[in-house]
Amino acid sequence: MNVLIVEDEALAVEKLRSTLRAVEAQAAVVGVTGSIRSSVEWLRTHPAPDMILMDIELSDGQSFEIFRQLQVRSPVIFTTSYDEYAIRAFKVNSVDYLLKPVEEEDLKAAMQKYRDVHQKQPALPAFDVNVLVKELQAQLKQPEYRERFLVKLGQRFVTIDTSEIAYFFVDGRLYYLVTADGKKYTIDYTLEELEQMLDPKFFFRAGRSYLVHLRSVVQIHSYFNGKLKLQLKPAVLGSDVVISKERTGEFKKWMGR
């Protein structure tokens, strides 16, 4: 059995390795990843493992985002520090969840459950991660979002409150923050990383190049092929800010929330 471990704490990785060896002598750890980005890259470039042991909280966000970026074809056993009351939500989706630190008896039982299910239904169906996330959000405290950014201004640093930001954008390999009064600063985060840091009630990903604040959208125009074109304040020069046809419904719902 080939196993991928998705865990960002070195001690937890070693604990999982030793526990796995104790309960599954034939298991081989074929990879270890510690972030959403590295996990997605690993799964895209390697054959699907027989099993994934996956922590929920990773260095760059919750591991549920992995399932939004690609189809995970392997059965997953989540490891979590959440209490048992919260874990009830997971059980609805017929996926196993183990409290950390993972004990041999618990992992052994989870492996046996996988075998029992796999024998009856070799092609395991994908579970709906969106349902899972909604159930968790109803029971767990909401995540803490970024309130300010430290940016460089000449030879000094200044802080920019999130409420002052109009939008973020990428130009080539550089990422920028633009404030409501039109000031522009370079930042060290990608748009994907910023999406994890910012409250989705106020920020929306517009295409590949923009992450916009609700208040920065001053006009919305119909565009070709069912797309939408946004007019932002401060104005964007030299490029269009476009919402794809596939995301127009989601965008309209976000704007009217």
Protein backbone atom coordinates (compact mmCIF):
# COMPACT_ATOMS: atom_id res chain seq x y z
CA MET A 1 0.00 0.00 0.00
CA ASN A 2 1.42 3.36 -1.10
CA VAL A 3 0.56 6.22 1.27
CA LEU A 4 0.88 10.00 0.90
CA ILE A 5 1.13 12.00 4.14
CA VAL A 6 -0.16 15.59 4.00
CA GLU A 7 1.00 17.23 7.23
CA ASP A 8 2.97 20.41 7.98
CA GLU A 9 4.35 19.48 11.41
CA ALA A 10 7.54 17.40 11.35
CA LEU A 11 6.80 15.66 14.66
CA ALA A 12 3.32 14.75 13.49
CA VAL A 13 4.79 13.30 10.28
CA GLU A 14 7.14 11.08 12.24
CA LYS A 15 4.31 10.01 14.54
CA LEU A 16 2.20 9.02 11.53
CA ARG A 17 5.13 7.14 9.96
CA SER A 18 5.77 5.09 13.09
CA THR A 19 2.07 4.42 13.71
CA LEU A 20 1.59 3.38 10.11
CA ARG A 21 4.54 0.98 10.30
CA ALA A 22 3.05 -0.58 13.42
CA VAL A 23 -0.41 -1.22 11.95
CA GLU A 24 0.37 -1.75 8.27
CA ALA A 25 3.72 -3.46 7.73
CA GLN A 26 3.35 -3.43 3.93
CA ALA A 27 2.60 0.29 3.75
CA ALA A 28 5.17 2.56 2.07
CA VAL A 29 5.16 6.34 2.49
CA VAL A 30 5.72 7.54 -1.06
CA GLY A 31 5.51 11.25 -0.33
CA VAL A 32 5.14 13.94 2.33
CA THR A 33 3.67 17.38 1.63
CA GLY A 34 2.96 20.22 4.05
CA SER A 35 0.87 22.75 2.15
CA ILE A 36 -2.03 23.07 -0.26
CA ARG A 37 0.28 24.13 -3.06
CA SER A 38 2.79 21.30 -2.63
CA SER A 39 0.02 18.72 -2.21
CA VAL A 40 -1.72 19.77 -5.42
CA GLU A 41 1.61 19.70 -7.28
CA TRP A 42 2.46 16.24 -5.91
CA LEU A 43 -0.92 14.77 -6.82
CA ARG A 44 -0.73 16.23 -10.32
CA THR A 45 2.71 14.78 -11.00
CA HIS A 46 2.55 11.36 -9.31
CA PRO A 47 0.36 8.27 -9.63
CA ALA A 48 -2.57 8.28 -7.21
CA PRO A 49 -1.54 6.65 -3.92
CA ASP A 50 -3.61 3.89 -2.34
CA MET A 51 -4.31 6.05 0.69
CA ILE A 52 -3.82 9.66 1.85
CA LEU A 53 -3.38 10.62 5.49
CA MET A 54 -4.26 14.32 5.47
CA ASP A 55 -4.21 16.97 8.18
CA ILE A 56 -7.00 19.55 7.95
CA GLU A 57 -5.03 22.66 8.94
CA LEU A 58 -1.97 23.18 6.70
CA SER A 59 0.59 25.96 6.51
CA ASP A 60 -1.34 27.87 3.81
CA GLY A 61 -4.94 27.07 4.71
CA GLN A 62 -7.42 24.23 5.13
CA SER A 63 -6.74 21.09 3.12
CA PHE A 64 -10.28 21.12 1.69
CA GLU A 65 -8.93 23.57 -0.91
CA ILE A 66 -6.93 20.70 -2.44
CA PHE A 67 -10.20 19.07 -3.50
CA ARG A 68 -11.36 22.26 -5.18
CA GLN A 69 -8.22 22.48 -7.30
CA LEU A 70 -8.15 18.90 -8.57
CA GLN A 71 -9.98 15.59 -8.35
CA VAL A 72 -8.49 13.43 -5.63
CA ARG A 73 -8.84 9.80 -6.69
CA SER A 74 -7.49 8.22 -3.50
CA PRO A 75 -9.38 7.46 -0.30
CA VAL A 76 -8.54 9.95 2.44
CA ILE A 77 -8.23 9.59 6.19
CA PHE A 78 -8.22 13.05 7.74
CA THR A 79 -6.30 13.77 10.93
CA THR A 80 -7.55 16.63 13.06
CA SER A 81 -7.32 18.30 16.45
CA TYR A 82 -11.06 19.10 16.44
CA ASP A 83 -13.18 17.61 19.21
CA GLU A 84 -15.54 14.71 18.68
CA TYR A 85 -18.61 16.93 18.44
CA ALA A 86 -17.18 18.60 15.36
CA ILE A 87 -16.13 15.30 13.85
CA ARG A 88 -19.78 14.20 13.61
CA ALA A 89 -20.08 16.37 10.50
CA PHE A 90 -17.39 14.33 8.77
CA LYS A 91 -19.13 11.04 9.39
CA VAL A 92 -22.02 12.06 7.17
CA ASN A 93 -19.69 11.84 4.19
CA SER A 94 -18.47 8.28 4.91
CA VAL A 95 -14.84 9.39 5.26
CA ASP A 96 -12.75 8.52 8.30
CA TYR A 97 -11.33 11.14 10.67
CA LEU A 98 -8.87 10.57 13.47
CA LEU A 99 -8.04 12.81 16.40
CA LYS A 100 -4.40 13.84 16.74
CA PRO A 101 -2.14 12.42 17.97
CA VAL A 102 -3.19 9.40 15.96
CA GLU A 103 -3.09 6.19 17.99
CA GLU A 104 -2.36 2.73 16.60
CA GLU A 105 -5.76 1.31 17.50
CA ASP A 106 -7.61 4.16 15.75
CA LEU A 107 -5.51 3.98 12.59
CA LYS A 108 -5.84 0.21 12.49
CA ALA A 109 -9.64 0.52 12.69
CA ALA A 110 -9.67 3.15 9.94
CA MET A 111 -7.56 0.92 7.69
CA GLN A 112 -9.91 -2.00 8.30
CA LYS A 113 -12.90 0.18 7.46
CA TYR A 114 -11.22 1.16 4.20
CA ARG A 115 -10.63 -2.51 3.31
CA ASP A 116 -14.24 -3.43 4.11
CA VAL A 117 -15.62 -0.63 1.94
CA HIS A 118 -13.08 -1.15 -0.83
CA GLN A 119 -13.89 -4.84 -1.14
CA LYS A 120 -17.58 -4.07 -1.57
CA GLN A 121 -17.05 -1.08 -3.84
CA PRO A 122 -13.56 -0.99 -5.45
CA ALA A 123 -14.21 2.27 -7.29
CA LEU A 124 -14.79 4.58 -4.35
CA PRO A 125 -16.96 7.60 -5.23
CA ALA A 126 -15.67 11.11 -4.69
CA PHE A 127 -17.29 12.89 -1.77
CA ASP A 128 -18.70 16.40 -1.98
CA VAL A 129 -16.16 18.61 -0.22
CA ASN A 130 -18.45 21.64 -0.43
CA VAL A 131 -21.06 19.86 1.69
CA LEU A 132 -18.33 18.91 4.12
CA VAL A 133 -17.07 22.48 4.46
CA LYS A 134 -20.57 23.88 5.05
CA GLU A 135 -21.21 21.33 7.79
CA LEU A 136 -17.94 22.20 9.48
CA GLN A 137 -18.53 25.94 9.28
CA ALA A 138 -21.82 25.46 11.09
CA GLN A 139 -20.05 23.81 14.02
CA LEU A 140 -16.52 25.21 14.13
CA LYS A 141 -15.42 28.76 14.78
CA GLN A 142 -14.94 30.87 11.68
CA PRO A 143 -11.35 31.35 10.45
CA GLU A 144 -9.45 34.49 11.33
CA TYR A 145 -8.77 36.61 8.27
CA ARG A 146 -5.93 39.00 7.62
CA GLU A 147 -6.60 42.51 8.97
CA ARG A 148 -3.53 44.37 7.68
CA PHE A 149 -0.46 44.06 5.48
CA LEU A 150 3.07 45.32 6.02
CA VAL A 151 4.42 46.90 2.82
CA LYS A 152 7.63 48.67 1.90
CA LEU A 153 7.58 52.38 1.09
CA GLY A 154 11.05 53.55 0.08
CA GLN A 155 13.37 52.74 2.94
CA ARG A 156 10.61 52.23 5.49
CA PHE A 157 7.64 49.97 6.08
CA VAL A 158 4.00 50.96 6.52
CA THR A 159 0.88 49.00 7.43
CA ILE A 160 -2.20 48.95 5.21
CA ASP A 161 -5.51 47.93 6.77
CA THR A 162 -7.51 45.44 4.72
CA SER A 163 -10.41 47.89 4.70
CA GLU A 164 -8.23 50.37 2.75
CA ILE A 165 -7.47 47.90 -0.09
CA ALA A 166 -9.31 48.23 -3.42
CA TYR A 167 -7.77 45.22 -5.16
CA PHE A 168 -4.70 43.05 -5.70
CA PHE A 169 -3.29 42.17 -9.11
CA VAL A 170 -0.42 40.38 -10.77
CA ASP A 171 1.73 41.78 -13.57
CA GLY A 172 4.31 39.33 -14.86
CA ARG A 173 5.98 37.89 -11.80
CA LEU A 174 5.16 40.78 -9.47
CA TYR A 175 2.13 41.07 -7.22
CA TYR A 176 0.63 44.40 -6.20
CA LEU A 177 -1.73 45.87 -3.64
CA VAL A 178 -3.76 48.94 -4.68
CA THR A 179 -5.47 51.10 -2.05
CA ALA A 180 -8.76 52.94 -2.41
CA ASP A 181 -6.87 56.23 -2.89
CA GLY A 182 -4.83 54.80 -5.78
CA LYS A 183 -1.51 54.00 -4.09
CA LYS A 184 0.27 50.87 -5.31
CA TYR A 185 2.65 48.62 -3.36
CA THR A 186 4.43 45.37 -4.18
CA ILE A 187 3.64 42.41 -1.91
CA ASP A 188 5.19 39.00 -1.33
CA TYR A 189 2.03 36.90 -1.65
CA THR A 190 0.46 35.27 -4.69
CA LEU A 191 -3.24 35.74 -5.42
CA GLU A 192 -3.83 32.13 -4.41
CA GLU A 193 -2.23 32.77 -1.02
CA LEU A 194 -4.19 36.01 -0.60
CA GLU A 195 -7.47 34.20 -1.25
CA GLN A 196 -6.75 32.07 1.83
CA MET A 197 -5.93 35.11 3.96
CA LEU A 198 -8.86 37.38 3.09
CA ASP A 199 -12.54 37.25 3.99
CA PRO A 200 -14.46 35.97 0.92
CA LYS A 201 -17.39 38.18 1.90
CA PHE A 202 -15.34 41.16 0.76
CA PHE A 203 -12.83 39.83 -1.78
CA PHE A 204 -13.53 37.97 -5.04
CA ARG A 205 -11.09 36.45 -7.53
CA ALA A 206 -11.67 38.07 -10.93
CA GLY A 207 -9.90 35.96 -13.55
CA ARG A 208 -6.26 35.03 -13.16
CA SER A 209 -4.94 38.52 -12.48
CA TYR A 210 -7.21 40.31 -9.99
CA LEU A 211 -8.58 39.88 -6.48
CA VAL A 212 -11.08 42.68 -5.93
CA HIS A 213 -12.75 44.23 -2.89
CA LEU A 214 -16.52 44.59 -2.99
CA ARG A 215 -16.34 48.40 -2.71
CA SER A 216 -13.94 48.72 -5.64
CA VAL A 217 -16.56 47.47 -8.13
CA VAL A 218 -18.34 50.59 -9.44
CA GLN A 219 -19.90 49.23 -12.66
CA ILE A 220 -20.63 45.81 -14.16
CA HIS A 221 -21.04 45.39 -17.93
CA SER A 222 -22.18 42.46 -20.05
CA TYR A 223 -19.28 41.08 -22.06
CA PHE A 224 -19.02 38.65 -24.95
CA ASN A 225 -19.72 34.91 -24.52
CA GLY A 226 -21.71 35.45 -21.34
CA LYS A 227 -18.84 37.04 -19.41
CA LEU A 228 -18.95 40.16 -17.24
CA LYS A 229 -16.56 43.11 -17.41
CA LEU A 230 -15.88 45.10 -14.25
CA GLN A 231 -15.08 48.76 -13.86
CA LEU A 232 -13.04 49.29 -10.74
CA LYS A 233 -12.12 52.30 -8.64
CA PRO A 234 -9.27 53.22 -8.82
CA ALA A 235 -9.43 52.57 -12.57
CA VAL A 236 -7.41 49.76 -14.10
CA LEU A 237 -5.31 50.84 -17.07
CA GLY A 238 -4.19 48.63 -19.92
CA SER A 239 -6.21 45.48 -19.17
CA ASP A 240 -9.78 44.26 -18.70
CA VAL A 241 -11.07 42.82 -15.45
CA VAL A 242 -13.35 40.00 -16.56
CA ILE A 243 -15.50 37.42 -14.79
CA SER A 244 -15.70 34.17 -16.75
CA LYS A 245 -19.04 32.79 -17.89
CA GLU A 246 -18.68 29.88 -15.45
CA ARG A 247 -18.36 32.23 -12.46
CA THR A 248 -20.91 34.94 -13.34
CA GLY A 249 -23.59 33.32 -11.17
CA GLU A 250 -21.23 33.07 -8.20
CA PHE A 251 -20.12 36.68 -8.72
CA LYS A 252 -23.68 38.03 -8.87
CA LYS A 253 -24.55 36.16 -5.69
CA TRP A 254 -21.43 37.59 -4.02
CA MET A 255 -22.27 41.16 -5.09
CA GLY A 256 -25.86 40.84 -3.85
CA ARG A 257 -25.03 39.20 -0.52
